[in-house]
PDB file of all heavy atoms in Angstrom:
ATOM      1  N   LEU A   1     -49.152  63.355-113.599  1.00  0.00           N
ATOM      2  CA  LEU A   1     -48.038  64.248-113.329  1.00  0.00           C
ATOM      3  C   LEU A   1     -46.903  63.963-114.300  1.00  0.00           C
ATOM      4  O   LEU A   1     -46.530  62.817-114.503  1.00  0.00           O
ATOM      5  CB  LEU A   1     -47.540  64.075-111.888  1.00  0.00           C
ATOM      6  CG  LEU A   1     -48.471  64.591-110.789  1.00  0.00           C
ATOM      7  CD1 LEU A   1     -48.000  64.105-109.433  1.00  0.00           C
ATOM      8  CD2 LEU A   1     -48.512  66.113-110.795  1.00  0.00           C
ATOM      9  N   ASP A   2     -46.349  65.009-114.884  1.00  0.00           N
ATOM     10  CA  ASP A   2     -45.234  64.856-115.817  1.00  0.00           C
ATOM     11  C   ASP A   2     -43.919  65.067-115.080  1.00  0.00           C
ATOM     12  O   ASP A   2     -43.723  66.091-114.419  1.00  0.00           O
ATOM     13  CB  ASP A   2     -45.346  65.863-116.968  1.00  0.00           C
ATOM     14  CG  ASP A   2     -46.295  65.400-118.048  1.00  0.00           C
ATOM     15  OD1 ASP A   2     -46.514  64.177-118.137  1.00  0.00           O
ATOM     16  OD2 ASP A   2     -46.814  66.243-118.789  1.00  0.00           O
ATOM     17  N   VAL A   3     -43.027  64.095-115.198  1.00  0.00           N
ATOM     18  CA  VAL A   3     -41.669  64.231-114.658  1.00  0.00           C
ATOM     19  C   VAL A   3     -40.699  63.741-115.737  1.00  0.00           C
ATOM     20  O   VAL A   3     -40.023  62.731-115.551  1.00  0.00           O
ATOM     21  CB  VAL A   3     -41.504  63.437-113.336  1.00  0.00           C
ATOM     22  CG1 VAL A   3     -42.071  64.187-112.165  1.00  0.00           C
ATOM     23  CG2 VAL A   3     -42.152  62.056-113.440  1.00  0.00           C
ATOM     24  N   PRO A   4     -40.634  64.432-116.876  1.00  0.00           N
ATOM     25  CA  PRO A   4     -39.856  63.931-118.014  1.00  0.00           C
ATOM     26  C   PRO A   4     -38.378  63.676-117.749  1.00  0.00           C
ATOM     27  O   PRO A   4     -37.793  62.812-118.415  1.00  0.00           O
ATOM     28  CB  PRO A   4     -40.049  65.027-119.085  1.00  0.00           C
ATOM     29  CG  PRO A   4     -40.613  66.208-118.380  1.00  0.00           C
ATOM     30  CD  PRO A   4     -41.332  65.698-117.189  1.00  0.00           C
ATOM     31  N   PRO A   5     -37.713  64.370-116.780  1.00  0.00           N
ATOM     32  CA  PRO A   5     -36.306  64.034-116.542  1.00  0.00           C
ATOM     33  C   PRO A   5     -36.109  62.635-115.956  1.00  0.00           C
ATOM     34  O   PRO A   5     -34.999  62.085-116.033  1.00  0.00           O
ATOM     35  CB  PRO A   5     -35.840  65.105-115.549  1.00  0.00           C
ATOM     36  CG  PRO A   5     -36.844  66.185-115.621  1.00  0.00           C
ATOM     37  CD  PRO A   5     -38.132  65.516-115.966  1.00  0.00           C
ATOM     38  N   ALA A   6     -37.160  62.068-115.339  1.00  0.00           N
ATOM     39  CA  ALA A   6     -37.026  60.766-114.665  1.00  0.00           C
ATOM     40  C   ALA A   6     -36.550  59.704-115.650  1.00  0.00           C
ATOM     41  O   ALA A   6     -37.125  59.526-116.712  1.00  0.00           O
ATOM     42  CB  ALA A   6     -38.357  60.360-114.045  1.00  0.00           C
ATOM     43  N   LYS A   7     -35.485  58.995-115.278  1.00  0.00           N
ATOM     44  CA  LYS A   7     -34.933  57.983-116.175  1.00  0.00           C
ATOM     45  C   LYS A   7     -34.742  56.627-115.504  1.00  0.00           C
ATOM     46  O   LYS A   7     -34.423  55.647-116.161  1.00  0.00           O
ATOM     47  CB  LYS A   7     -33.610  58.458-116.766  1.00  0.00           C
ATOM     48  CG  LYS A   7     -32.499  58.711-115.747  1.00  0.00           C
ATOM     49  CD  LYS A   7     -31.239  59.211-116.448  1.00  0.00           C
ATOM     50  CE  LYS A   7     -30.107  59.442-115.457  1.00  0.00           C
ATOM     51  NZ  LYS A   7     -28.880  59.925-116.135  1.00  0.00           N
ATOM     52  N   ASN A   8     -34.917  56.572-114.198  1.00  0.00           N
ATOM     53  CA  ASN A   8     -34.861  55.305-113.468  1.00  0.00           C
ATOM     54  C   ASN A   8     -36.105  55.164-112.611  1.00  0.00           C
ATOM     55  O   ASN A   8     -36.576  56.137-112.020  1.00  0.00           O
ATOM     56  CB  ASN A   8     -33.627  55.249-112.546  1.00  0.00           C
ATOM     57  CG  ASN A   8     -32.323  55.272-113.307  1.00  0.00           C
ATOM     58  OD1 ASN A   8     -32.102  54.472-114.198  1.00  0.00           O
ATOM     59  ND2 ASN A   8     -31.454  56.218-112.959  1.00  0.00           N
ATOM     60  N   ALA A   9     -36.647  53.952-112.546  1.00  0.00           N
ATOM     61  CA  ALA A   9     -37.756  53.668-111.637  1.00  0.00           C
ATOM     62  C   ALA A   9     -37.446  52.383-110.893  1.00  0.00           C
ATOM     63  O   ALA A   9     -37.026  51.386-111.494  1.00  0.00           O
ATOM     64  CB  ALA A   9     -39.066  53.530-112.404  1.00  0.00           C
ATOM     65  N   ILE A  10     -37.619  52.415-109.570  1.00  0.00           N
ATOM     66  CA  ILE A  10     -37.431  51.227-108.738  1.00  0.00           C
ATOM     67  C   ILE A  10     -38.785  50.896-108.132  1.00  0.00           C
ATOM     68  O   ILE A  10     -39.369  51.706-107.411  1.00  0.00           O
ATOM     69  CB  ILE A  10     -36.398  51.472-107.626  1.00  0.00           C
ATOM     70  CG1 ILE A  10     -35.065  51.941-108.221  1.00  0.00           C
ATOM     71  CG2 ILE A  10     -36.201  50.195-106.809  1.00  0.00           C
ATOM     72  CD1 ILE A  10     -34.036  52.344-107.166  1.00  0.00           C
ATOM     73  N   ILE A  11     -39.288  49.712-108.424  1.00  0.00           N
ATOM     74  CA  ILE A  11     -40.619  49.317-107.964  1.00  0.00           C
ATOM     75  C   ILE A  11     -40.477  48.263-106.865  1.00  0.00           C
ATOM     76  O   ILE A  11     -40.135  47.117-107.133  1.00  0.00           O
ATOM     77  CB  ILE A  11     -41.461  48.774-109.129  1.00  0.00           C
ATOM     78  CG1 ILE A  11     -41.570  49.833-110.232  1.00  0.00           C
ATOM     79  CG2 ILE A  11     -42.847  48.365-108.647  1.00  0.00           C
ATOM     80  CD1 ILE A  11     -42.269  49.342-111.490  1.00  0.00           C
ATOM     81  N   LEU A  12     -40.719  48.686-105.627  1.00  0.00           N
ATOM     82  CA  LEU A  12     -40.722  47.736-104.514  1.00  0.00           C
ATOM     83  C   LEU A  12     -42.083  47.083-104.351  1.00  0.00           C
ATOM     84  O   LEU A  12     -42.188  45.964-103.846  1.00  0.00           O
ATOM     85  CB  LEU A  12     -40.347  48.418-103.202  1.00  0.00           C
ATOM     86  CG  LEU A  12     -38.863  48.670-102.954  1.00  0.00           C
ATOM     87  CD1 LEU A  12     -38.424  49.996-103.533  1.00  0.00           C
ATOM     88  CD2 LEU A  12     -38.555  48.617-101.459  1.00  0.00           C
ATOM     89  N   THR A  13     -43.127  47.807-104.740  1.00  0.00           N
ATOM     90  CA  THR A  13     -44.489  47.310-104.569  1.00  0.00           C
ATOM     91  C   THR A  13     -45.277  47.555-105.834  1.00  0.00           C
ATOM     92  O   THR A  13     -45.306  48.667-106.346  1.00  0.00           O
ATOM     93  CB  THR A  13     -45.195  48.019-103.395  1.00  0.00           C
ATOM     94  OG1 THR A  13     -44.488  47.736-102.199  1.00  0.00           O
ATOM     95  CG2 THR A  13     -46.620  47.532-103.264  1.00  0.00           C
ATOM     96  N   SER A  14     -45.903  46.509-106.329  1.00  0.00           N
ATOM     97  CA  SER A  14     -46.757  46.623-107.503  1.00  0.00           C
ATOM     98  C   SER A  14     -48.015  45.816-107.262  1.00  0.00           C
ATOM     99  O   SER A  14     -47.976  44.739-106.671  1.00  0.00           O
ATOM    100  CB  SER A  14     -46.034  46.109-108.752  1.00  0.00           C
ATOM    101  OG  SER A  14     -46.854  46.247-109.892  1.00  0.00           O
ATOM    102  N   SER A  15     -49.129  46.341-107.731  1.00  0.00           N
ATOM    103  CA  SER A  15     -50.406  45.651-107.509  1.00  0.00           C
ATOM    104  C   SER A  15     -50.623  44.516-108.494  1.00  0.00           C
ATOM    105  O   SER A  15     -51.507  43.696-108.318  1.00  0.00           O
ATOM    106  CB  SER A  15     -51.554  46.648-107.636  1.00  0.00           C
ATOM    107  OG  SER A  15     -51.701  47.062-108.982  1.00  0.00           O
ATOM    108  N   GLY A  16     -49.849  44.474-109.578  1.00  0.00           N
ATOM    109  CA  GLY A  16     -50.092  43.508-110.640  1.00  0.00           C
ATOM    110  C   GLY A  16     -51.119  44.004-111.638  1.00  0.00           C
ATOM    111  O   GLY A  16     -51.400  43.329-112.627  1.00  0.00           O
ATOM    112  N   ASN A  17     -51.681  45.185-111.385  1.00  0.00           N
ATOM    113  CA  ASN A  17     -52.641  45.788-112.305  1.00  0.00           C
ATOM    114  C   ASN A  17     -51.910  46.259-113.560  1.00  0.00           C
ATOM    115  O   ASN A  17     -51.017  47.100-113.478  1.00  0.00           O
ATOM    116  CB  ASN A  17     -53.315  46.977-111.600  1.00  0.00           C
ATOM    117  CG  ASN A  17     -54.390  47.614-112.449  1.00  0.00           C
ATOM    118  OD1 ASN A  17     -54.246  47.755-113.658  1.00  0.00           O
ATOM    119  ND2 ASN A  17     -55.473  48.014-111.807  1.00  0.00           N
ATOM    120  N   PRO A  18     -52.280  45.753-114.753  1.00  0.00           N
ATOM    121  CA  PRO A  18     -51.579  46.149-115.976  1.00  0.00           C
ATOM    122  C   PRO A  18     -51.605  47.654-116.222  1.00  0.00           C
ATOM    123  O   PRO A  18     -50.630  48.224-116.706  1.00  0.00           O
ATOM    124  CB  PRO A  18     -52.323  45.387-117.077  1.00  0.00           C
ATOM    125  CG  PRO A  18     -52.945  44.226-116.386  1.00  0.00           C
ATOM    126  CD  PRO A  18     -53.300  44.720-115.009  1.00  0.00           C
ATOM    127  N   LEU A  19     -52.724  48.323-115.883  1.00  0.00           N
ATOM    128  CA  LEU A  19     -52.818  49.765-116.092  1.00  0.00           C
ATOM    129  C   LEU A  19     -51.793  50.495-115.236  1.00  0.00           C
ATOM    130  O   LEU A  19     -51.126  51.422-115.704  1.00  0.00           O
ATOM    131  CB  LEU A  19     -54.231  50.257-115.770  1.00  0.00           C
ATOM    132  CG  LEU A  19     -54.453  51.771-115.894  1.00  0.00           C
ATOM    133  CD1 LEU A  19     -54.154  52.247-117.309  1.00  0.00           C
ATOM    134  CD2 LEU A  19     -55.882  52.131-115.497  1.00  0.00           C
ATOM    135  N   GLN A  20     -51.654  50.075-113.979  1.00  0.00           N
ATOM    136  CA  GLN A  20     -50.666  50.697-113.100  1.00  0.00           C
ATOM    137  C   GLN A  20     -49.254  50.494-113.641  1.00  0.00           C
ATOM    138  O   GLN A  20     -48.433  51.408-113.617  1.00  0.00           O
ATOM    139  CB  GLN A  20     -50.763  50.118-111.683  1.00  0.00           C
ATOM    140  CG  GLN A  20     -49.812  50.786-110.699  1.00  0.00           C
ATOM    141  CD  GLN A  20     -49.790  50.103-109.354  1.00  0.00           C
ATOM    142  OE1 GLN A  20     -49.193  49.045-109.188  1.00  0.00           O
ATOM    143  NE2 GLN A  20     -50.451  50.703-108.370  1.00  0.00           N
ATOM    144  N   TRP A  21     -48.991  49.295-114.163  1.00  0.00           N
ATOM    145  CA  TRP A  21     -47.673  49.007-114.725  1.00  0.00           C
ATOM    146  C   TRP A  21     -47.383  49.932-115.900  1.00  0.00           C
ATOM    147  O   TRP A  21     -46.295  50.499-116.026  1.00  0.00           O
ATOM    148  CB  TRP A  21     -47.611  47.544-115.142  1.00  0.00           C
ATOM    149  CG  TRP A  21     -46.427  47.170-115.976  1.00  0.00           C
ATOM    150  CD1 TRP A  21     -46.425  46.711-117.259  1.00  0.00           C
ATOM    151  CD2 TRP A  21     -45.048  47.213-115.591  1.00  0.00           C
ATOM    152  NE1 TRP A  21     -45.155  46.470-117.702  1.00  0.00           N
ATOM    153  CE2 TRP A  21     -44.289  46.769-116.697  1.00  0.00           C
ATOM    154  CE3 TRP A  21     -44.373  47.586-114.421  1.00  0.00           C
ATOM    155  CZ2 TRP A  21     -42.892  46.698-116.673  1.00  0.00           C
ATOM    156  CZ3 TRP A  21     -42.981  47.497-114.397  1.00  0.00           C
ATOM    157  CH2 TRP A  21     -42.272  47.060-115.510  1.00  0.00           C
ATOM    158  N   VAL A  22     -48.355  50.135-116.795  1.00  0.00           N
ATOM    159  CA  VAL A  22     -48.179  51.017-117.949  1.00  0.00           C
ATOM    160  C   VAL A  22     -47.956  52.454-117.483  1.00  0.00           C
ATOM    161  O   VAL A  22     -47.078  53.159-118.001  1.00  0.00           O
ATOM    162  CB  VAL A  22     -49.401  50.934-118.889  1.00  0.00           C
ATOM    163  CG1 VAL A  22     -49.333  52.023-119.958  1.00  0.00           C
ATOM    164  CG2 VAL A  22     -49.462  49.562-119.555  1.00  0.00           C
ATOM    165  N   GLN A  23     -48.730  52.890-116.501  1.00  0.00           N
ATOM    166  CA  GLN A  23     -48.593  54.257-116.001  1.00  0.00           C
ATOM    167  C   GLN A  23     -47.221  54.499-115.382  1.00  0.00           C
ATOM    168  O   GLN A  23     -46.582  55.534-115.637  1.00  0.00           O
ATOM    169  CB  GLN A  23     -49.692  54.538-114.967  1.00  0.00           C
ATOM    170  CG  GLN A  23     -51.084  54.640-115.567  1.00  0.00           C
ATOM    171  CD  GLN A  23     -52.178  54.638-114.511  1.00  0.00           C
ATOM    172  OE1 GLN A  23     -51.943  54.235-113.381  1.00  0.00           O
ATOM    173  NE2 GLN A  23     -53.358  55.079-114.886  1.00  0.00           N
ATOM    174  N   ARG A  24     -46.754  53.551-114.602  1.00  0.00           N
ATOM    175  CA  ARG A  24     -45.452  53.728-113.964  1.00  0.00           C
ATOM    176  C   ARG A  24     -44.322  53.680-114.987  1.00  0.00           C
ATOM    177  O   ARG A  24     -43.347  54.426-114.884  1.00  0.00           O
ATOM    178  CB  ARG A  24     -45.255  52.660-112.880  1.00  0.00           C
ATOM    179  CG  ARG A  24     -46.184  52.865-111.706  1.00  0.00           C
ATOM    180  CD  ARG A  24     -45.960  51.875-110.588  1.00  0.00           C
ATOM    181  NE  ARG A  24     -46.777  52.237-109.433  1.00  0.00           N
ATOM    182  CZ  ARG A  24     -46.714  51.637-108.253  1.00  0.00           C
ATOM    183  NH1 ARG A  24     -45.878  50.630-108.069  1.00  0.00           N
ATOM    184  NH2 ARG A  24     -47.474  52.045-107.256  1.00  0.00           N
ATOM    185  N   ARG A  25     -44.451  52.815-115.947  1.00  0.00           N
ATOM    186  CA  ARG A  25     -43.457  52.759-117.024  1.00  0.00           C
ATOM    187  C   ARG A  25     -43.438  54.086-117.780  1.00  0.00           C
ATOM    188  O   ARG A  25     -42.377  54.611-118.126  1.00  0.00           O
ATOM    189  CB  ARG A  25     -43.792  51.605-117.961  1.00  0.00           C
ATOM    190  CG  ARG A  25     -42.812  51.414-119.098  1.00  0.00           C
ATOM    191  CD  ARG A  25     -43.132  50.175-119.897  1.00  0.00           C
ATOM    192  NE  ARG A  25     -44.496  50.188-120.420  1.00  0.00           N
ATOM    193  CZ  ARG A  25     -45.021  49.240-121.169  1.00  0.00           C
ATOM    194  NH1 ARG A  25     -44.317  48.163-121.454  1.00  0.00           N
ATOM    195  NH2 ARG A  25     -46.260  49.330-121.615  1.00  0.00           N
ATOM    196  N   GLY A  26     -44.638  54.628-118.019  1.00  0.00           N
ATOM    197  CA  GLY A  26     -44.744  55.876-118.764  1.00  0.00           C
ATOM    198  C   GLY A  26     -44.081  57.053-118.090  1.00  0.00           C
ATOM    199  O   GLY A  26     -43.662  58.001-118.768  1.00  0.00           O
ATOM    200  N   ARG A  27     -43.961  57.026-116.770  1.00  0.00           N
ATOM    201  CA  ARG A  27     -43.336  58.150-116.065  1.00  0.00           C
ATOM    202  C   ARG A  27     -41.865  58.325-116.427  1.00  0.00           C
ATOM    203  O   ARG A  27     -41.329  59.414-116.292  1.00  0.00           O
ATOM    204  CB  ARG A  27     -43.461  57.963-114.536  1.00  0.00           C
ATOM    205  CG  ARG A  27     -44.867  57.907-113.979  1.00  0.00           C
ATOM    206  CD  ARG A  27     -45.527  59.292-113.892  1.00  0.00           C
ATOM    207  NE  ARG A  27     -45.975  59.783-115.178  1.00  0.00           N
ATOM    208  CZ  ARG A  27     -47.088  59.385-115.799  1.00  0.00           C
ATOM    209  NH1 ARG A  27     -47.846  58.472-115.263  1.00  0.00           N
ATOM    210  NH2 ARG A  27     -47.440  59.898-116.951  1.00  0.00           N
ATOM    211  N   VAL A  28     -41.195  57.259-116.851  1.00  0.00           N
ATOM    212  CA  VAL A  28     -39.756  57.375-117.126  1.00  0.00           C
ATOM    213  C   VAL A  28     -39.422  57.286-118.615  1.00  0.00           C
ATOM    214  O   VAL A  28     -38.246  57.329-118.981  1.00  0.00           O
ATOM    215  CB  VAL A  28     -38.943  56.303-116.357  1.00  0.00           C
ATOM    216  CG1 VAL A  28     -39.085  56.492-114.864  1.00  0.00           C
ATOM    217  CG2 VAL A  28     -39.357  54.893-116.759  1.00  0.00           C
ATOM    218  N   LEU A  29     -40.433  57.176-119.468  1.00  0.00           N
ATOM    219  CA  LEU A  29     -40.159  56.995-120.904  1.00  0.00           C
ATOM    220  C   LEU A  29     -40.265  58.283-121.715  1.00  0.00           C
ATOM    221  O   LEU A  29     -39.948  58.283-122.907  1.00  0.00           O
ATOM    222  CB  LEU A  29     -41.119  55.951-121.504  1.00  0.00           C
ATOM    223  CG  LEU A  29     -41.009  54.536-120.946  1.00  0.00           C
ATOM    224  CD1 LEU A  29     -41.869  53.577-121.762  1.00  0.00           C
ATOM    225  CD2 LEU A  29     -39.568  54.053-120.938  1.00  0.00           C
ATOM    226  N   ARG A  30     -40.667  59.377-121.086  1.00  0.00           N
ATOM    227  CA  ARG A  30     -40.804  60.636-121.819  1.00  0.00           C
ATOM    228  C   ARG A  30     -39.436  61.141-122.278  1.00  0.00           C
ATOM    229  O   ARG A  30     -38.445  61.023-121.560  1.00  0.00           O
ATOM    230  CB  ARG A  30     -41.466  61.700-120.937  1.00  0.00           C
ATOM    231  CG  ARG A  30     -42.841  61.326-120.421  1.00  0.00           C
ATOM    232  CD  ARG A  30     -43.876  61.330-121.532  1.00  0.00           C
ATOM    233  NE  ARG A  30     -45.193  60.981-121.038  1.00  0.00           N
ATOM    234  CZ  ARG A  30     -46.061  61.841-120.540  1.00  0.00           C
ATOM    235  NH1 ARG A  30     -45.738  63.115-120.451  1.00  0.00           N
ATOM    236  NH2 ARG A  30     -47.240  61.429-120.126  1.00  0.00           N
ATOM    237  N   ARG A  31     -39.417  61.733-123.463  1.00  0.00           N
ATOM    238  CA  ARG A  31     -38.196  62.347-123.973  1.00  0.00           C
ATOM    239  C   ARG A  31     -37.802  63.555-123.122  1.00  0.00           C
ATOM    240  O   ARG A  31     -38.640  64.290-122.628  1.00  0.00           O
ATOM    241  CB  ARG A  31     -38.407  62.811-125.417  1.00  0.00           C
ATOM    242  CG  ARG A  31     -38.326  61.708-126.452  1.00  0.00           C
ATOM    243  CD  ARG A  31     -36.891  61.322-126.722  1.00  0.00           C
ATOM    244  NE  ARG A  31     -36.790  60.179-127.626  1.00  0.00           N
ATOM    245  CZ  ARG A  31     -35.659  59.546-127.874  1.00  0.00           C
ATOM    246  NH1 ARG A  31     -34.552  59.929-127.260  1.00  0.00           N
ATOM    247  NH2 ARG A  31     -35.623  58.517-128.703  1.00  0.00           N
ATOM    248  N   PHE A  32     -36.487  63.710-122.930  1.00  0.00           N
ATOM    249  CA  PHE A  32     -35.946  64.851-122.203  1.00  0.00           C
ATOM    250  C   PHE A  32     -34.502  65.038-122.665  1.00  0.00           C
ATOM    251  O   PHE A  32     -33.804  64.048-122.922  1.00  0.00           O
ATOM    252  CB  PHE A  32     -35.990  64.600-120.689  1.00  0.00           C
ATOM    253  CG  PHE A  32     -35.713  65.813-119.867  1.00  0.00           C
ATOM    254  CD1 PHE A  32     -36.685  66.781-119.679  1.00  0.00           C
ATOM    255  CD2 PHE A  32     -34.471  66.011-119.281  1.00  0.00           C
ATOM    256  CE1 PHE A  32     -36.426  67.914-118.913  1.00  0.00           C
ATOM    257  CE2 PHE A  32     -34.204  67.122-118.517  1.00  0.00           C
ATOM    258  CZ  PHE A  32     -35.190  68.090-118.335  1.00  0.00           C
ATOM    259  N   PRO A  33     -34.047  66.284-122.797  1.00  0.00           N
ATOM    260  CA  PRO A  33     -32.676  66.512-123.281  1.00  0.00           C
ATOM    261  C   PRO A  33     -31.644  65.728-122.490  1.00  0.00           C
ATOM    262  O   PRO A  33     -31.611  65.783-121.260  1.00  0.00           O
ATOM    263  CB  PRO A  33     -32.486  68.022-123.096  1.00  0.00           C
ATOM    264  CG  PRO A  33     -33.873  68.584-123.202  1.00  0.00           C
ATOM    265  CD  PRO A  33     -34.775  67.551-122.580  1.00  0.00           C
ATOM    266  N   GLY A  34     -30.831  64.963-123.199  1.00  0.00           N
ATOM    267  CA  GLY A  34     -29.770  64.181-122.568  1.00  0.00           C
ATOM    268  C   GLY A  34     -30.180  62.799-122.122  1.00  0.00           C
ATOM    269  O   GLY A  34     -29.328  62.002-121.723  1.00  0.00           O
ATOM    270  N   LYS A  35     -31.477  62.495-122.173  1.00  0.00           N
ATOM    271  CA  LYS A  35     -31.942  61.170-121.745  1.00  0.00           C
ATOM    272  C   LYS A  35     -31.997  60.246-122.946  1.00  0.00           C
ATOM    273  O   LYS A  35     -32.818  60.427-123.844  1.00  0.00           O
ATOM    274  CB  LYS A  35     -33.310  61.251-121.069  1.00  0.00           C
ATOM    275  CG  LYS A  35     -33.800  59.888-120.565  1.00  0.00           C
ATOM    276  CD  LYS A  35     -34.945  60.003-119.569  1.00  0.00           C
ATOM    277  CE  LYS A  35     -36.246  60.408-120.212  1.00  0.00           C
ATOM    278  NZ  LYS A  35     -37.395  60.334-119.287  1.00  0.00           N
ATOM    279  N   GLU A  36     -31.121  59.240-122.969  1.00  0.00           N
ATOM    280  CA  GLU A  36     -31.041  58.314-124.090  1.00  0.00           C
ATOM    281  C   GLU A  36     -31.874  57.052-123.867  1.00  0.00           C
ATOM    282  O   GLU A  36     -32.337  56.426-124.807  1.00  0.00           O
ATOM    283  CB  GLU A  36     -29.580  57.910-124.345  1.00  0.00           C
ATOM    284  CG  GLU A  36     -28.668  59.085-124.697  1.00  0.00           C
ATOM    285  CD  GLU A  36     -29.085  59.765-125.991  1.00  0.00           C
ATOM    286  OE1 GLU A  36     -29.582  59.059-126.897  1.00  0.00           O
ATOM    287  OE2 GLU A  36     -28.931  60.999-126.097  1.00  0.00           O
ATOM    288  N   LYS A  37     -32.038  56.662-122.599  1.00  0.00           N
ATOM    289  CA  LYS A  37     -32.819  55.474-122.296  1.00  0.00           C
ATOM    290  C   LYS A  37     -33.289  55.541-120.842  1.00  0.00           C
ATOM    291  O   LYS A  37     -32.818  56.375-120.054  1.00  0.00           O
ATOM    292  CB  LYS A  37     -32.014  54.191-122.518  1.00  0.00           C
ATOM    293  CG  LYS A  37     -30.901  53.962-121.501  1.00  0.00           C
ATOM    294  CD  LYS A  37     -30.255  52.594-121.703  1.00  0.00           C
ATOM    295  CE  LYS A  37     -29.180  52.366-120.635  1.00  0.00           C
ATOM    296  NZ  LYS A  37     -28.550  51.034-120.760  1.00  0.00           N
ATOM    297  N   ALA A  38     -34.210  54.661-120.491  1.00  0.00           N
ATOM    298  CA  ALA A  38     -34.694  54.544-119.119  1.00  0.00           C
ATOM    299  C   ALA A  38     -34.442  53.122-118.631  1.00  0.00           C
ATOM    300  O   ALA A  38     -34.300  52.196-119.430  1.00  0.00           O
ATOM    301  CB  ALA A  38     -36.182  54.878-119.040  1.00  0.00           C
ATOM    302  N   ILE A  39     -34.371  52.972-117.312  1.00  0.00           N
ATOM    303  CA  ILE A  39     -34.186  51.643-116.718  1.00  0.00           C
ATOM    304  C   ILE A  39     -35.242  51.453-115.633  1.00  0.00           C
ATOM    305  O   ILE A  39     -35.426  52.326-114.774  1.00  0.00           O
ATOM    306  CB  ILE A  39     -32.782  51.460-116.118  1.00  0.00           C
ATOM    307  CG1 ILE A  39     -31.701  51.730-117.168  1.00  0.00           C
ATOM    308  CG2 ILE A  39     -32.631  50.053-115.554  1.00  0.00           C
ATOM    309  CD1 ILE A  39     -30.280  51.608-116.640  1.00  0.00           C
ATOM    310  N   ILE A  40     -35.933  50.313-115.686  1.00  0.00           N
ATOM    311  CA  ILE A  40     -36.953  49.985-114.695  1.00  0.00           C
ATOM    312  C   ILE A  40     -36.489  48.768-113.899  1.00  0.00           C
ATOM    313  O   ILE A  40     -36.219  47.704-114.464  1.00  0.00           O
ATOM    314  CB  ILE A  40     -38.303  49.687-115.361  1.00  0.00           C
ATOM    315  CG1 ILE A  40     -38.780  50.926-116.137  1.00  0.00           C
ATOM    316  CG2 ILE A  40     -39.340  49.260-114.328  1.00  0.00           C
ATOM    317  CD1 ILE A  40     -39.989  50.668-116.998  1.00  0.00           C
ATOM    318  N   TYR A  41     -36.357  48.940-112.588  1.00  0.00           N
ATOM    319  CA  TYR A  41     -35.956  47.865-111.682  1.00  0.00           C
ATOM    320  C   TYR A  41     -37.214  47.396-110.944  1.00  0.00           C
ATOM    321  O   TYR A  41     -37.854  48.189-110.252  1.00  0.00           O
ATOM    322  CB  TYR A  41     -34.923  48.357-110.676  1.00  0.00           C
ATOM    323  CG  TYR A  41     -33.671  48.933-111.295  1.00  0.00           C
ATOM    324  CD1 TYR A  41     -33.613  50.276-111.676  1.00  0.00           C
ATOM    325  CD2 TYR A  41     -32.534  48.153-111.497  1.00  0.00           C
ATOM    326  CE1 TYR A  41     -32.460  50.823-112.234  1.00  0.00           C
ATOM    327  CE2 TYR A  41     -31.373  48.691-112.055  1.00  0.00           C
ATOM    328  CZ  TYR A  41     -31.351  50.025-112.424  1.00  0.00           C
ATOM    329  OH  TYR A  41     -30.215  50.560-112.973  1.00  0.00           O
TER     330      TYR A  41
END
């Protein structure tokens, strides 16, 4: 699923699976007008 405006991610639960980590990081790294950076908590 593409959600390019997303710029913050808060992770309360993670499996430790590297693939899941990459996928979740990828959800907030897409370019979108006005988005200069993303923050992952």
